[in-house]
């Protein structure tokens, strides 16, 4: 776990199609002194990510299949839109520091997995 001095300098960004998982993870990480920020408007943010925000220290990509994501939160868009979202996120997925498929995981399991990955990275 980072100390207070390091906490100010560590920038964690969370992206991916797993919407609810991103906000829950950001809250869980922040509560444990890992300042994390979820990106909600990825359709416009990700193509210009490195221009709009200097490259984060840690980029986390939470992935979810359309079927699982739609079960968690019914969407007003279909599989074609989900596929387009994944395409737009391709750059982030290729360059992420932590990639986690979230299908079948609870929010607590996602948090534990990411915390373990962060410990391995730092």
N, C-alpha and C. Protein backbone atom coordinates (compact mmCIF):
# COMPACT_ATOMS: atom_id res chain seq x y z
N UNK A 1 0.85 -1.19 0.00
CA UNK A 1 0.00 0.00 0.00
C UNK A 1 0.89 1.24 0.00
N UNK A 2 0.58 2.25 -0.81
CA UNK A 2 1.45 3.42 -0.88
C UNK A 2 1.35 4.25 0.39
N UNK A 3 2.44 4.95 0.70
CA UNK A 3 2.37 5.85 1.84
C UNK A 3 1.84 7.20 1.37
N UNK A 4 1.59 8.10 2.33
CA UNK A 4 0.97 9.39 2.00
C UNK A 4 1.81 10.19 1.02
N UNK A 5 3.14 10.11 1.12
CA UNK A 5 4.01 10.87 0.22
C UNK A 5 3.88 10.39 -1.21
N UNK A 6 3.81 9.08 -1.42
CA UNK A 6 3.70 8.53 -2.76
C UNK A 6 2.30 8.67 -3.34
N UNK A 7 1.32 8.69 -2.49
CA UNK A 7 -0.08 8.71 -2.94
C UNK A 7 -0.37 9.90 -3.85
N UNK A 8 0.25 11.04 -3.61
CA UNK A 8 -0.01 12.23 -4.41
C UNK A 8 0.50 12.08 -5.84
N UNK A 9 1.49 11.23 -6.03
CA UNK A 9 2.16 11.15 -7.32
C UNK A 9 1.70 9.98 -8.18
N UNK A 10 1.02 9.02 -7.63
CA UNK A 10 0.58 7.84 -8.37
C UNK A 10 -0.75 8.15 -9.05
N UNK A 11 -0.78 8.03 -10.37
CA UNK A 11 -2.00 8.29 -11.12
C UNK A 11 -2.51 6.98 -11.70
N UNK A 12 -3.70 6.57 -11.28
CA UNK A 12 -4.32 5.33 -11.75
C UNK A 12 -5.56 5.70 -12.54
N UNK A 13 -5.67 5.16 -13.75
CA UNK A 13 -6.85 5.39 -14.58
C UNK A 13 -7.46 4.03 -14.89
N UNK A 14 -8.79 3.95 -14.79
CA UNK A 14 -9.53 2.72 -15.02
C UNK A 14 -10.42 2.91 -16.24
N UNK A 15 -10.27 2.02 -17.22
CA UNK A 15 -11.09 2.07 -18.43
C UNK A 15 -11.67 0.68 -18.69
N UNK A 16 -12.54 0.59 -19.69
CA UNK A 16 -13.10 -0.68 -20.10
C UNK A 16 -14.61 -0.63 -20.18
N UNK A 17 -15.19 -1.65 -20.79
CA UNK A 17 -16.65 -1.66 -20.94
C UNK A 17 -17.39 -2.05 -19.67
N UNK A 18 -16.68 -2.42 -18.63
CA UNK A 18 -17.29 -2.85 -17.37
C UNK A 18 -17.64 -1.61 -16.55
N UNK A 19 -18.78 -0.98 -16.83
CA UNK A 19 -19.16 0.30 -16.25
C UNK A 19 -19.24 0.35 -14.75
N UNK A 20 -20.11 -0.44 -14.15
CA UNK A 20 -20.29 -0.41 -12.70
C UNK A 20 -19.02 -0.85 -12.00
N UNK A 21 -18.31 -1.77 -12.59
CA UNK A 21 -17.07 -2.25 -11.99
C UNK A 21 -16.02 -1.17 -11.87
N UNK A 22 -15.98 -0.24 -12.84
CA UNK A 22 -14.99 0.83 -12.80
C UNK A 22 -15.23 1.76 -11.62
N UNK A 23 -16.48 2.18 -11.42
CA UNK A 23 -16.75 3.10 -10.32
C UNK A 23 -16.54 2.43 -8.97
N UNK A 24 -16.95 1.18 -8.84
CA UNK A 24 -16.75 0.45 -7.59
C UNK A 24 -15.27 0.26 -7.30
N UNK A 25 -14.50 -0.08 -8.35
CA UNK A 25 -13.06 -0.26 -8.17
C UNK A 25 -12.39 1.06 -7.81
N UNK A 26 -12.75 2.15 -8.48
CA UNK A 26 -12.16 3.46 -8.16
C UNK A 26 -12.41 3.83 -6.71
N UNK A 27 -13.63 3.59 -6.23
CA UNK A 27 -13.97 3.89 -4.84
C UNK A 27 -13.15 3.02 -3.88
N UNK A 28 -13.05 1.73 -4.19
CA UNK A 28 -12.30 0.81 -3.34
C UNK A 28 -10.82 1.13 -3.29
N UNK A 29 -10.24 1.48 -4.44
CA UNK A 29 -8.82 1.83 -4.47
C UNK A 29 -8.55 3.13 -3.73
N UNK A 30 -9.40 4.12 -3.96
CA UNK A 30 -9.23 5.41 -3.29
C UNK A 30 -9.34 5.25 -1.78
N UNK A 31 -10.26 4.42 -1.31
CA UNK A 31 -10.40 4.17 0.12
C UNK A 31 -9.15 3.52 0.71
N UNK A 32 -8.35 2.89 -0.14
CA UNK A 32 -7.11 2.24 0.31
C UNK A 32 -5.89 3.05 -0.09
N UNK A 33 -6.08 4.34 -0.30
CA UNK A 33 -5.01 5.30 -0.58
C UNK A 33 -4.34 5.11 -1.93
N UNK A 34 -5.04 4.49 -2.87
CA UNK A 34 -4.60 4.46 -4.26
C UNK A 34 -5.51 5.42 -5.01
N UNK A 35 -5.06 6.64 -5.30
CA UNK A 35 -5.93 7.57 -6.00
C UNK A 35 -6.23 7.07 -7.41
N UNK A 36 -7.47 6.73 -7.65
CA UNK A 36 -7.86 6.15 -8.93
C UNK A 36 -8.99 6.97 -9.54
N UNK A 37 -9.00 7.01 -10.85
CA UNK A 37 -10.00 7.76 -11.57
C UNK A 37 -10.56 6.87 -12.67
N UNK A 38 -11.87 6.75 -12.70
CA UNK A 38 -12.50 6.00 -13.79
C UNK A 38 -12.79 6.95 -14.94
N UNK A 39 -12.77 6.42 -16.13
CA UNK A 39 -13.09 7.22 -17.29
C UNK A 39 -14.47 6.76 -17.76
N UNK A 40 -15.43 7.68 -17.76
CA UNK A 40 -16.79 7.31 -18.11
C UNK A 40 -17.14 7.61 -19.56
N UNK A 41 -16.54 8.62 -20.13
CA UNK A 41 -16.86 8.98 -21.51
C UNK A 41 -15.76 8.47 -22.44
N UNK A 42 -15.53 7.16 -22.40
CA UNK A 42 -14.43 6.57 -23.15
C UNK A 42 -14.57 6.75 -24.65
N UNK A 43 -15.79 6.83 -25.13
CA UNK A 43 -15.98 6.94 -26.57
C UNK A 43 -15.30 8.19 -27.12
N UNK A 44 -15.16 9.23 -26.32
CA UNK A 44 -14.44 10.41 -26.78
C UNK A 44 -13.07 10.52 -26.15
N UNK A 45 -12.88 9.91 -24.99
CA UNK A 45 -11.63 10.08 -24.24
C UNK A 45 -10.49 9.22 -24.76
N UNK A 46 -10.75 7.94 -24.97
CA UNK A 46 -9.66 7.01 -25.24
C UNK A 46 -8.85 7.32 -26.49
N UNK A 47 -9.47 7.69 -27.61
CA UNK A 47 -8.63 7.96 -28.79
C UNK A 47 -7.59 9.05 -28.55
N UNK A 48 -7.85 9.96 -27.62
CA UNK A 48 -6.92 11.05 -27.33
C UNK A 48 -6.36 10.96 -25.91
N UNK A 49 -6.41 9.77 -25.32
CA UNK A 49 -6.06 9.62 -23.90
C UNK A 49 -4.73 10.26 -23.56
N UNK A 50 -3.70 9.97 -24.33
CA UNK A 50 -2.37 10.43 -23.94
C UNK A 50 -2.20 11.92 -24.19
N UNK A 51 -3.06 12.51 -25.02
CA UNK A 51 -3.00 13.96 -25.24
C UNK A 51 -3.76 14.70 -24.14
N UNK A 52 -4.90 14.16 -23.73
CA UNK A 52 -5.74 14.84 -22.75
C UNK A 52 -5.26 14.65 -21.32
N UNK A 53 -4.61 13.56 -21.05
CA UNK A 53 -4.13 13.25 -19.71
C UNK A 53 -2.77 12.64 -19.89
N UNK A 54 -1.79 13.19 -19.21
CA UNK A 54 -0.48 12.57 -19.36
C UNK A 54 -0.61 11.10 -18.99
N UNK A 55 0.19 10.27 -19.61
CA UNK A 55 0.06 8.83 -19.41
C UNK A 55 0.01 8.53 -17.92
N UNK A 56 -1.01 7.82 -17.50
CA UNK A 56 -1.11 7.49 -16.07
C UNK A 56 0.03 6.56 -15.67
N UNK A 57 0.31 6.54 -14.38
CA UNK A 57 1.32 5.61 -13.87
C UNK A 57 0.84 4.18 -14.04
N UNK A 58 -0.45 3.98 -13.82
CA UNK A 58 -1.03 2.64 -13.95
C UNK A 58 -2.37 2.76 -14.68
N UNK A 59 -2.48 2.02 -15.77
CA UNK A 59 -3.72 1.98 -16.55
C UNK A 59 -4.34 0.60 -16.33
N UNK A 60 -5.56 0.59 -15.82
CA UNK A 60 -6.28 -0.65 -15.54
C UNK A 60 -7.41 -0.78 -16.55
N UNK A 61 -7.49 -1.94 -17.18
CA UNK A 61 -8.55 -2.21 -18.16
C UNK A 61 -9.43 -3.33 -17.60
N UNK A 62 -10.68 -2.99 -17.28
CA UNK A 62 -11.66 -3.99 -16.83
C UNK A 62 -12.49 -4.39 -18.03
N UNK A 63 -12.47 -5.65 -18.37
CA UNK A 63 -13.18 -6.13 -19.54
C UNK A 63 -14.41 -6.92 -19.12
N UNK A 64 -15.46 -6.83 -19.91
CA UNK A 64 -16.68 -7.61 -19.68
C UNK A 64 -17.32 -7.89 -21.03
N UNK A 65 -17.84 -9.09 -21.18
CA UNK A 65 -18.55 -9.42 -22.42
C UNK A 65 -19.86 -8.63 -22.46
N UNK A 66 -20.39 -8.46 -23.65
CA UNK A 66 -21.65 -7.74 -23.79
C UNK A 66 -22.75 -8.41 -22.98
N UNK A 67 -22.82 -9.74 -23.04
CA UNK A 67 -23.89 -10.46 -22.34
C UNK A 67 -23.83 -10.21 -20.84
N UNK A 68 -22.65 -10.28 -20.27
CA UNK A 68 -22.51 -10.09 -18.82
C UNK A 68 -22.75 -8.63 -18.46
N UNK A 69 -22.20 -7.71 -19.24
CA UNK A 69 -22.41 -6.29 -18.96
C UNK A 69 -23.88 -5.94 -19.03
N UNK A 70 -24.59 -6.47 -20.02
CA UNK A 70 -26.00 -6.19 -20.17
C UNK A 70 -26.83 -6.79 -19.03
N UNK A 71 -26.38 -7.91 -18.46
CA UNK A 71 -27.07 -8.49 -17.30
C UNK A 71 -26.91 -7.58 -16.08
N UNK A 72 -25.72 -7.01 -15.94
CA UNK A 72 -25.45 -6.15 -14.79
C UNK A 72 -26.21 -4.85 -14.87
N UNK A 73 -26.27 -4.29 -16.06
CA UNK A 73 -26.92 -3.00 -16.26
C UNK A 73 -27.54 -3.00 -17.64
N UNK A 74 -28.85 -3.17 -17.76
CA UNK A 74 -29.47 -3.17 -19.08
C UNK A 74 -29.12 -1.90 -19.85
N UNK A 75 -28.77 -2.10 -21.10
CA UNK A 75 -28.29 -1.00 -21.93
C UNK A 75 -29.34 -0.55 -22.94
N UNK A 76 -29.18 0.67 -23.37
CA UNK A 76 -30.05 1.15 -24.44
C UNK A 76 -29.33 1.06 -25.78
N UNK A 77 -28.23 0.30 -25.84
CA UNK A 77 -27.52 0.06 -27.09
C UNK A 77 -27.22 -1.42 -27.20
N UNK A 78 -26.92 -1.86 -28.40
CA UNK A 78 -26.79 -3.29 -28.65
C UNK A 78 -25.35 -3.76 -28.82
N UNK A 79 -25.22 -5.02 -29.26
CA UNK A 79 -23.89 -5.62 -29.43
C UNK A 79 -22.99 -4.84 -30.40
N UNK A 80 -23.59 -4.23 -31.42
CA UNK A 80 -22.77 -3.46 -32.37
C UNK A 80 -22.11 -2.27 -31.67
N UNK A 81 -22.86 -1.61 -30.79
CA UNK A 81 -22.30 -0.48 -30.03
C UNK A 81 -21.20 -0.96 -29.08
N UNK A 82 -21.42 -2.11 -28.46
CA UNK A 82 -20.42 -2.68 -27.55
C UNK A 82 -19.14 -3.00 -28.33
N UNK A 83 -19.28 -3.57 -29.51
CA UNK A 83 -18.12 -3.89 -30.35
C UNK A 83 -17.37 -2.60 -30.71
N UNK A 84 -18.10 -1.54 -31.01
CA UNK A 84 -17.46 -0.26 -31.33
C UNK A 84 -16.73 0.29 -30.11
N UNK A 85 -17.32 0.13 -28.95
CA UNK A 85 -16.65 0.57 -27.71
C UNK A 85 -15.34 -0.18 -27.52
N UNK A 86 -15.35 -1.48 -27.76
CA UNK A 86 -14.14 -2.29 -27.63
C UNK A 86 -13.09 -1.82 -28.65
N UNK A 87 -13.54 -1.52 -29.86
CA UNK A 87 -12.60 -1.04 -30.88
C UNK A 87 -11.94 0.26 -30.43
N UNK A 88 -12.75 1.14 -29.89
CA UNK A 88 -12.20 2.42 -29.44
C UNK A 88 -11.25 2.26 -28.26
N UNK A 89 -11.45 1.22 -27.49
CA UNK A 89 -10.61 0.96 -26.33
C UNK A 89 -9.38 0.12 -26.66
N UNK A 90 -9.22 -0.27 -27.91
CA UNK A 90 -8.13 -1.18 -28.29
C UNK A 90 -6.76 -0.64 -27.89
N UNK A 91 -6.53 0.65 -28.07
CA UNK A 91 -5.24 1.23 -27.71
C UNK A 91 -4.98 1.07 -26.22
N UNK A 92 -6.00 1.37 -25.41
CA UNK A 92 -5.84 1.25 -23.97
C UNK A 92 -5.60 -0.21 -23.56
N UNK A 93 -6.30 -1.12 -24.22
CA UNK A 93 -6.14 -2.54 -23.88
C UNK A 93 -4.72 -3.01 -24.20
N UNK A 94 -4.16 -2.54 -25.30
CA UNK A 94 -2.80 -2.93 -25.69
C UNK A 94 -1.75 -2.37 -24.74
N UNK A 95 -2.04 -1.21 -24.15
CA UNK A 95 -1.03 -0.51 -23.35
C UNK A 95 -1.32 -0.51 -21.86
N UNK A 96 -2.32 -1.26 -21.43
CA UNK A 96 -2.67 -1.24 -20.01
C UNK A 96 -1.62 -1.99 -19.18
N UNK A 97 -1.56 -1.63 -17.92
CA UNK A 97 -0.65 -2.29 -16.99
C UNK A 97 -1.33 -3.47 -16.33
N UNK A 98 -2.64 -3.37 -16.15
CA UNK A 98 -3.43 -4.45 -15.55
C UNK A 98 -4.64 -4.69 -16.43
N UNK A 99 -4.77 -5.90 -16.92
CA UNK A 99 -5.93 -6.30 -17.72
C UNK A 99 -6.69 -7.36 -16.92
N UNK A 100 -7.99 -7.14 -16.71
CA UNK A 100 -8.76 -8.08 -15.92
C UNK A 100 -10.12 -8.35 -16.56
N UNK A 101 -10.34 -9.58 -17.05
CA UNK A 101 -11.69 -9.96 -17.49
C UNK A 101 -12.58 -10.09 -16.25
N UNK A 102 -13.70 -9.41 -16.23
CA UNK A 102 -14.52 -9.37 -15.02
C UNK A 102 -15.73 -10.29 -15.05
N UNK A 103 -15.96 -10.99 -16.16
CA UNK A 103 -17.11 -11.90 -16.22
C UNK A 103 -17.04 -12.89 -15.06
N UNK A 104 -18.11 -13.00 -14.31
CA UNK A 104 -18.19 -13.97 -13.22
C UNK A 104 -17.53 -13.52 -11.93
N UNK A 105 -16.95 -12.32 -11.89
CA UNK A 105 -16.30 -11.83 -10.67
C UNK A 105 -17.22 -10.86 -9.93
N UNK A 106 -17.18 -10.92 -8.62
CA UNK A 106 -17.90 -9.95 -7.81
C UNK A 106 -17.04 -8.69 -7.69
N UNK A 107 -17.65 -7.57 -7.29
CA UNK A 107 -16.84 -6.36 -7.07
C UNK A 107 -15.70 -6.58 -6.08
N UNK A 108 -15.93 -7.35 -5.03
CA UNK A 108 -14.87 -7.62 -4.06
C UNK A 108 -13.74 -8.43 -4.69
N UNK A 109 -14.08 -9.39 -5.55
CA UNK A 109 -13.06 -10.19 -6.23
C UNK A 109 -12.25 -9.33 -7.21
N UNK A 110 -12.92 -8.41 -7.87
CA UNK A 110 -12.22 -7.49 -8.79
C UNK A 110 -11.23 -6.65 -7.99
N UNK A 111 -11.69 -6.07 -6.89
CA UNK A 111 -10.83 -5.24 -6.05
C UNK A 111 -9.63 -6.03 -5.53
N UNK A 112 -9.87 -7.23 -5.01
CA UNK A 112 -8.76 -8.06 -4.50
C UNK A 112 -7.75 -8.37 -5.59
N UNK A 113 -8.24 -8.71 -6.77
CA UNK A 113 -7.35 -9.04 -7.88
C UNK A 113 -6.50 -7.84 -8.29
N UNK A 114 -7.13 -6.67 -8.37
CA UNK A 114 -6.39 -5.47 -8.76
C UNK A 114 -5.40 -5.08 -7.66
N UNK A 115 -5.80 -5.18 -6.40
CA UNK A 115 -4.88 -4.87 -5.30
C UNK A 115 -3.65 -5.78 -5.35
N UNK A 116 -3.86 -7.05 -5.65
CA UNK A 116 -2.74 -7.98 -5.77
C UNK A 116 -1.85 -7.59 -6.94
N UNK A 117 -2.45 -7.23 -8.07
CA UNK A 117 -1.67 -6.80 -9.23
C UNK A 117 -0.89 -5.51 -8.94
N UNK A 118 -1.51 -4.59 -8.22
CA UNK A 118 -0.82 -3.36 -7.86
C UNK A 118 0.37 -3.64 -6.95
N UNK A 119 0.17 -4.55 -6.03
CA UNK A 119 1.27 -4.94 -5.14
C UNK A 119 2.41 -5.54 -5.95
N UNK A 120 2.09 -6.34 -6.94
CA UNK A 120 3.12 -6.95 -7.80
C UNK A 120 3.84 -5.90 -8.62
N UNK A 121 3.13 -4.82 -9.02
CA UNK A 121 3.72 -3.77 -9.86
C UNK A 121 4.59 -2.80 -9.07
N UNK A 122 4.21 -2.58 -7.80
CA UNK A 122 4.91 -1.53 -7.01
C UNK A 122 5.92 -2.09 -6.06
